[in-house]
Amino acid sequence: GEATVSETREPPTDVFEETDHVLVIVEMPGVSADDARFELEGDVLTVTATGAGKKYRKEVLLPTECDASTLTTSANNGVFEVRLSRASSEAA
């Protein structure tokens, strides 16, 4: 039979706080853009993906609360860039 991998890995992740957005870099070799999911709830970004016999999952704590409707992703050779705009806070 064929070997299957049931281990879930935590991908290496970097978080950068830019002037007008938060940038998250996630490295998941063997994963295509169609196989990765990014979900935002408050200030936690959840990354899940399956590809090339590998499973990835990680919860990334962001430096500030972000607006889920602004989430954009791009992928290049298993390196994903996730951009999120900060949530507008009217309370001062």
Protein backbone atom coordinates (compact mmCIF):
# COMPACT_ATOMS: atom_id res chain seq x y z
CA GLY A 1 0.00 0.00 0.00
CA GLU A 2 0.85 3.63 -0.14
CA ALA A 3 2.07 5.43 2.98
CA THR A 4 -0.16 8.19 4.27
CA VAL A 5 0.92 11.06 6.49
CA SER A 6 -1.46 11.89 9.31
CA GLU A 7 0.87 14.25 11.16
CA THR A 8 -0.21 17.88 11.17
CA ARG A 9 2.67 20.33 10.94
CA GLU A 10 2.95 23.92 12.08
CA PRO A 11 4.26 25.99 9.17
CA PRO A 12 6.99 28.60 9.73
CA THR A 13 5.28 31.99 9.95
CA ASP A 14 6.42 35.62 10.09
CA VAL A 15 4.19 38.56 10.99
CA PHE A 16 5.05 42.11 9.93
CA GLU A 17 3.17 45.20 11.07
CA GLU A 18 3.26 47.61 8.12
CA THR A 19 2.06 51.22 8.05
CA ASP A 20 -1.44 50.50 6.77
CA HIS A 21 -1.75 46.70 7.04
CA VAL A 22 -0.48 43.51 8.65
CA LEU A 23 1.52 41.10 6.47
CA VAL A 24 1.78 37.41 7.35
CA ILE A 25 4.24 35.14 5.49
CA VAL A 26 3.50 31.40 5.75
CA GLU A 27 5.79 28.70 4.31
CA MET A 28 3.98 25.51 3.25
CA PRO A 29 6.04 23.61 0.65
CA GLY A 30 3.97 21.42 -1.67
CA VAL A 31 0.74 23.35 -1.06
CA SER A 32 -1.05 25.15 -3.90
CA ALA A 33 -3.19 28.26 -3.47
CA ASP A 34 -6.34 26.12 -3.92
CA ASP A 35 -5.39 23.86 -1.01
CA ALA A 36 -4.81 26.59 1.60
CA ARG A 37 -7.44 28.27 3.77
CA PHE A 38 -7.06 31.41 5.84
CA GLU A 39 -9.74 32.39 8.36
CA LEU A 40 -9.69 35.47 10.54
CA GLU A 41 -11.50 35.85 13.83
CA GLY A 42 -10.66 39.02 15.74
CA ASP A 43 -6.87 39.08 16.03
CA VAL A 44 -6.29 35.37 15.30
CA LEU A 45 -5.54 34.12 11.78
CA THR A 46 -6.08 30.37 11.37
CA VAL A 47 -4.09 28.71 8.58
CA THR A 48 -5.04 25.22 7.33
CA ALA A 49 -3.76 23.41 4.26
CA THR A 50 -3.30 19.96 2.76
CA GLY A 51 -1.02 19.16 -0.15
CA ALA A 52 1.65 16.73 -1.34
CA GLY A 53 0.94 14.34 1.54
CA LYS A 54 1.36 17.07 4.15
CA LYS A 55 -1.15 18.70 6.50
CA TYR A 56 -0.58 22.12 8.01
CA ARG A 57 -2.44 24.02 10.72
CA LYS A 58 -1.49 27.06 12.75
CA GLU A 59 -3.19 29.82 14.69
CA VAL A 60 -1.32 33.09 14.31
CA LEU A 61 -1.86 35.84 16.88
CA LEU A 62 -1.82 39.17 15.05
CA PRO A 63 -0.50 42.36 16.67
CA THR A 64 -3.88 44.07 16.23
CA GLU A 65 -7.45 43.24 15.30
CA CYS A 66 -7.93 43.16 11.53
CA ASP A 67 -10.86 43.41 9.11
CA ALA A 68 -11.66 39.96 7.67
CA SER A 69 -13.21 41.48 4.52
CA THR A 70 -9.80 42.89 3.53
CA LEU A 71 -7.94 39.55 3.65
CA THR A 72 -5.99 38.94 0.44
CA THR A 73 -3.55 36.14 -0.30
CA SER A 74 -0.91 35.40 -2.88
CA ALA A 75 1.18 32.26 -3.29
CA ASN A 76 4.51 31.50 -4.93
CA ASN A 77 6.16 28.05 -4.63
CA GLY A 78 4.48 27.26 -1.29
CA VAL A 79 5.18 30.68 0.23
CA PHE A 80 1.95 32.49 1.03
CA GLU A 81 1.57 36.21 1.67
CA VAL A 82 -1.55 37.23 3.58
CA ARG A 83 -2.41 40.93 3.80
CA LEU A 84 -4.98 42.32 6.22
CA SER A 85 -6.07 45.88 6.91
CA ARG A 86 -6.41 46.92 10.51
CA ALA A 87 -9.95 47.04 11.87
CA SER A 88 -11.11 50.63 12.21
CA SER A 89 -11.61 51.46 15.86
CA GLU A 90 -13.79 54.43 16.55
CA ALA A 91 -13.27 54.27 20.30
CA ALA A 92 -10.37 56.46 21.37
